[in-house]
Amino acid sequence: MSATTQPSATDDEDAASKEERLKTFLSQKAADGELYFKSKFIADEVGLSPKEIGALMVKLKDSAGELEIEKWSYTSATTWRIESA
């Protein structure tokens, strides 16, 4: 039999913390105008993996009302366009 694990409240808080960290970073960078970036180039600054950033960007696109988030292009990795709303 296989054991399944349920996500804990700590996992949810960690995910929310990562999402908030990324949203704050993007808001600061987009404060002066548009920002174009690839996840792999900001991963170290945010303290997340490029894969985590990509997954969070999809969530933020729908939930971050203060940011306009657009999937801009794809050449070897997704380029995102961010602008303050």
N, C-alpha and C. Protein backbone atom coordinates (compact mmCIF):
# COMPACT_ATOMS: atom_id res chain seq x y z
N MET A 1 0.83 -1.18 0.00
CA MET A 1 0.00 0.00 0.00
C MET A 1 0.88 1.25 0.00
N SER A 2 0.42 2.23 -0.70
CA SER A 2 1.19 3.47 -0.74
C SER A 2 0.62 4.47 0.25
N ALA A 3 1.50 5.19 0.85
CA ALA A 3 1.08 6.22 1.80
C ALA A 3 0.99 7.54 1.07
N THR A 4 -0.05 8.28 1.37
CA THR A 4 -0.17 9.61 0.78
C THR A 4 -0.02 10.63 1.89
N THR A 5 0.56 11.75 1.55
CA THR A 5 0.73 12.80 2.54
C THR A 5 -0.18 13.96 2.20
N GLN A 6 -0.74 14.50 3.23
CA GLN A 6 -1.62 15.66 3.08
C GLN A 6 -0.78 16.92 3.26
N PRO A 7 -1.06 17.96 2.48
CA PRO A 7 -0.32 19.20 2.68
C PRO A 7 -0.65 19.76 4.07
N SER A 8 0.35 20.22 4.76
CA SER A 8 0.14 20.76 6.10
C SER A 8 -0.07 22.26 6.02
N ALA A 9 -0.52 22.83 7.13
CA ALA A 9 -0.70 24.28 7.19
C ALA A 9 0.62 24.98 6.96
N THR A 10 1.72 24.37 7.40
CA THR A 10 3.04 24.95 7.20
C THR A 10 3.37 25.04 5.71
N ASP A 11 3.00 24.01 4.94
CA ASP A 11 3.23 24.04 3.49
C ASP A 11 2.46 25.18 2.85
N ASP A 12 1.22 25.40 3.28
CA ASP A 12 0.40 26.49 2.74
C ASP A 12 1.00 27.84 3.09
N GLU A 13 1.48 27.98 4.33
CA GLU A 13 2.09 29.24 4.75
C GLU A 13 3.37 29.50 3.96
N ASP A 14 4.15 28.45 3.73
CA ASP A 14 5.40 28.57 2.97
C ASP A 14 5.10 29.02 1.54
N ALA A 15 4.08 28.43 0.93
CA ALA A 15 3.70 28.81 -0.43
C ALA A 15 3.23 30.26 -0.47
N ALA A 16 2.45 30.67 0.52
CA ALA A 16 1.97 32.05 0.59
C ALA A 16 3.14 33.00 0.80
N SER A 17 4.11 32.59 1.59
CA SER A 17 5.29 33.40 1.84
C SER A 17 6.10 33.59 0.56
N LYS A 18 6.27 32.52 -0.20
CA LYS A 18 7.00 32.60 -1.47
C LYS A 18 6.27 33.50 -2.45
N GLU A 19 4.95 33.36 -2.51
CA GLU A 19 4.16 34.18 -3.43
C GLU A 19 4.26 35.65 -3.05
N GLU A 20 4.18 35.95 -1.76
CA GLU A 20 4.28 37.33 -1.30
C GLU A 20 5.67 37.90 -1.56
N ARG A 21 6.70 37.09 -1.35
CA ARG A 21 8.08 37.52 -1.61
C ARG A 21 8.26 37.89 -3.08
N LEU A 22 7.74 37.06 -3.98
CA LEU A 22 7.86 37.32 -5.41
C LEU A 22 7.05 38.55 -5.79
N LYS A 23 5.84 38.67 -5.26
CA LYS A 23 4.99 39.83 -5.57
C LYS A 23 5.65 41.13 -5.12
N THR A 24 6.24 41.13 -3.93
CA THR A 24 6.92 42.32 -3.43
C THR A 24 8.11 42.68 -4.32
N PHE A 25 8.90 41.68 -4.69
CA PHE A 25 10.05 41.90 -5.57
C PHE A 25 9.60 42.52 -6.90
N LEU A 26 8.56 41.95 -7.50
CA LEU A 26 8.08 42.44 -8.80
C LEU A 26 7.51 43.84 -8.69
N SER A 27 6.79 44.11 -7.61
CA SER A 27 6.23 45.45 -7.40
C SER A 27 7.32 46.50 -7.30
N GLN A 28 8.38 46.18 -6.57
CA GLN A 28 9.50 47.12 -6.42
C GLN A 28 10.19 47.36 -7.76
N LYS A 29 10.43 46.29 -8.51
CA LYS A 29 11.13 46.42 -9.78
C LYS A 29 10.29 47.12 -10.84
N ALA A 30 8.96 46.97 -10.77
CA ALA A 30 8.08 47.57 -11.77
C ALA A 30 7.61 48.97 -11.37
N ALA A 31 8.05 49.45 -10.23
CA ALA A 31 7.61 50.76 -9.74
C ALA A 31 7.99 51.89 -10.70
N ASP A 32 9.10 51.76 -11.40
CA ASP A 32 9.58 52.80 -12.30
C ASP A 32 9.12 52.60 -13.74
N GLY A 33 8.35 51.56 -14.00
CA GLY A 33 7.88 51.29 -15.36
C GLY A 33 7.82 49.81 -15.63
N GLU A 34 7.86 49.45 -16.88
CA GLU A 34 7.76 48.05 -17.27
C GLU A 34 9.00 47.26 -16.86
N LEU A 35 8.78 45.98 -16.61
CA LEU A 35 9.85 45.06 -16.29
C LEU A 35 9.67 43.83 -17.15
N TYR A 36 10.71 43.43 -17.83
CA TYR A 36 10.71 42.19 -18.61
C TYR A 36 11.76 41.28 -17.97
N PHE A 37 11.42 40.02 -17.76
CA PHE A 37 12.39 39.12 -17.15
C PHE A 37 12.09 37.66 -17.48
N LYS A 38 13.11 36.85 -17.32
CA LYS A 38 12.99 35.39 -17.37
C LYS A 38 13.27 34.89 -15.96
N SER A 39 12.52 33.89 -15.55
CA SER A 39 12.63 33.37 -14.18
C SER A 39 14.06 33.02 -13.80
N LYS A 40 14.79 32.43 -14.73
CA LYS A 40 16.14 31.98 -14.41
C LYS A 40 17.08 33.13 -14.07
N PHE A 41 16.76 34.35 -14.51
CA PHE A 41 17.63 35.48 -14.26
C PHE A 41 17.32 36.20 -12.95
N ILE A 42 16.17 35.96 -12.35
CA ILE A 42 15.85 36.60 -11.07
C ILE A 42 15.81 35.59 -9.92
N ALA A 43 15.98 34.32 -10.21
CA ALA A 43 15.84 33.26 -9.20
C ALA A 43 16.71 33.52 -7.96
N ASP A 44 17.97 33.85 -8.15
CA ASP A 44 18.85 34.08 -7.01
C ASP A 44 18.42 35.29 -6.19
N GLU A 45 18.00 36.35 -6.86
CA GLU A 45 17.57 37.56 -6.16
C GLU A 45 16.35 37.32 -5.28
N VAL A 46 15.45 36.46 -5.75
CA VAL A 46 14.20 36.19 -5.04
C VAL A 46 14.35 35.02 -4.06
N GLY A 47 15.36 34.19 -4.27
CA GLY A 47 15.55 33.04 -3.41
C GLY A 47 14.61 31.89 -3.74
N LEU A 48 14.21 31.78 -4.99
CA LEU A 48 13.34 30.71 -5.46
C LEU A 48 13.95 30.08 -6.70
N SER A 49 13.51 28.88 -7.03
CA SER A 49 13.98 28.25 -8.26
C SER A 49 13.20 28.82 -9.44
N PRO A 50 13.76 28.76 -10.64
CA PRO A 50 13.02 29.23 -11.82
C PRO A 50 11.68 28.51 -11.97
N LYS A 51 11.64 27.24 -11.63
CA LYS A 51 10.40 26.48 -11.72
C LYS A 51 9.35 27.01 -10.74
N GLU A 52 9.78 27.32 -9.52
CA GLU A 52 8.86 27.89 -8.53
C GLU A 52 8.33 29.24 -9.00
N ILE A 53 9.22 30.06 -9.56
CA ILE A 53 8.80 31.38 -10.05
C ILE A 53 7.76 31.23 -11.16
N GLY A 54 8.01 30.33 -12.09
CA GLY A 54 7.06 30.10 -13.18
C GLY A 54 5.69 29.70 -12.68
N ALA A 55 5.65 28.80 -11.70
CA ALA A 55 4.37 28.37 -11.13
C ALA A 55 3.68 29.51 -10.40
N LEU A 56 4.45 30.30 -9.68
CA LEU A 56 3.86 31.42 -8.94
C LEU A 56 3.38 32.53 -9.87
N MET A 57 4.06 32.72 -11.00
CA MET A 57 3.65 33.76 -11.95
C MET A 57 2.24 33.49 -12.47
N VAL A 58 1.92 32.23 -12.69
CA VAL A 58 0.58 31.88 -13.17
C VAL A 58 -0.45 32.26 -12.11
N LYS A 59 -0.15 32.00 -10.84
CA LYS A 59 -1.06 32.38 -9.75
C LYS A 59 -1.18 33.90 -9.63
N LEU A 60 -0.03 34.57 -9.66
CA LEU A 60 -0.03 36.03 -9.51
C LEU A 60 -0.76 36.73 -10.65
N LYS A 61 -0.70 36.14 -11.82
CA LYS A 61 -1.37 36.74 -12.98
C LYS A 61 -2.85 36.96 -12.70
N ASP A 62 -3.45 36.02 -11.97
CA ASP A 62 -4.87 36.10 -11.66
C ASP A 62 -5.17 36.83 -10.35
N SER A 63 -4.21 36.85 -9.42
CA SER A 63 -4.52 37.36 -8.08
C SER A 63 -3.90 38.71 -7.72
N ALA A 64 -2.86 39.13 -8.39
CA ALA A 64 -2.18 40.37 -8.02
C ALA A 64 -2.80 41.55 -8.76
N GLY A 65 -3.77 42.19 -8.14
CA GLY A 65 -4.48 43.29 -8.77
C GLY A 65 -3.63 44.53 -9.01
N GLU A 66 -2.57 44.68 -8.21
CA GLU A 66 -1.72 45.87 -8.36
C GLU A 66 -0.66 45.73 -9.43
N LEU A 67 -0.59 44.53 -10.04
CA LEU A 67 0.37 44.29 -11.11
C LEU A 67 -0.34 43.79 -12.36
N GLU A 68 0.11 44.27 -13.50
CA GLU A 68 -0.33 43.70 -14.78
C GLU A 68 0.75 42.72 -15.20
N ILE A 69 0.37 41.46 -15.31
CA ILE A 69 1.33 40.39 -15.63
C ILE A 69 0.93 39.76 -16.95
N GLU A 70 1.89 39.71 -17.86
CA GLU A 70 1.63 39.17 -19.19
C GLU A 70 2.74 38.21 -19.59
N LYS A 71 2.36 37.07 -20.10
CA LYS A 71 3.33 36.15 -20.67
C LYS A 71 3.72 36.76 -22.00
N TRP A 72 4.94 37.22 -22.12
CA TRP A 72 5.33 38.06 -23.25
C TRP A 72 5.82 37.25 -24.44
N SER A 73 6.77 36.37 -24.23
CA SER A 73 7.29 35.56 -25.34
C SER A 73 7.95 34.31 -24.78
N TYR A 74 8.32 33.42 -25.69
CA TYR A 74 9.00 32.21 -25.28
C TYR A 74 10.14 31.92 -26.24
N THR A 75 11.35 32.09 -25.76
CA THR A 75 12.55 31.67 -26.48
C THR A 75 13.50 31.11 -25.44
N SER A 76 13.58 29.83 -25.37
CA SER A 76 14.36 29.06 -24.41
C SER A 76 13.83 29.15 -22.98
N ALA A 77 12.96 30.07 -22.71
CA ALA A 77 12.27 30.20 -21.42
C ALA A 77 11.23 31.31 -21.57
N THR A 78 10.22 31.27 -20.74
CA THR A 78 9.18 32.30 -20.82
C THR A 78 9.71 33.65 -20.38
N THR A 79 9.41 34.67 -21.16
CA THR A 79 9.69 36.04 -20.76
C THR A 79 8.38 36.63 -20.26
N TRP A 80 8.43 37.22 -19.07
CA TRP A 80 7.26 37.84 -18.47
C TRP A 80 7.38 39.35 -18.55
N ARG A 81 6.25 40.01 -18.75
CA ARG A 81 6.19 41.47 -18.75
C ARG A 81 5.34 41.88 -17.55
N ILE A 82 5.89 42.76 -16.71
CA ILE A 82 5.22 43.22 -15.51
C ILE A 82 5.12 44.74 -15.56
N GLU A 83 3.98 45.25 -15.13
CA GLU A 83 3.79 46.68 -15.05
C GLU A 83 2.87 46.96 -13.87
N SER A 84 3.09 48.06 -13.18
CA SER A 84 2.19 48.44 -12.09
C SER A 84 0.83 48.79 -12.69
N ALA A 85 -0.22 48.33 -12.03
CA ALA A 85 -1.59 48.58 -12.52
C ALA A 85 -2.04 49.98 -12.18
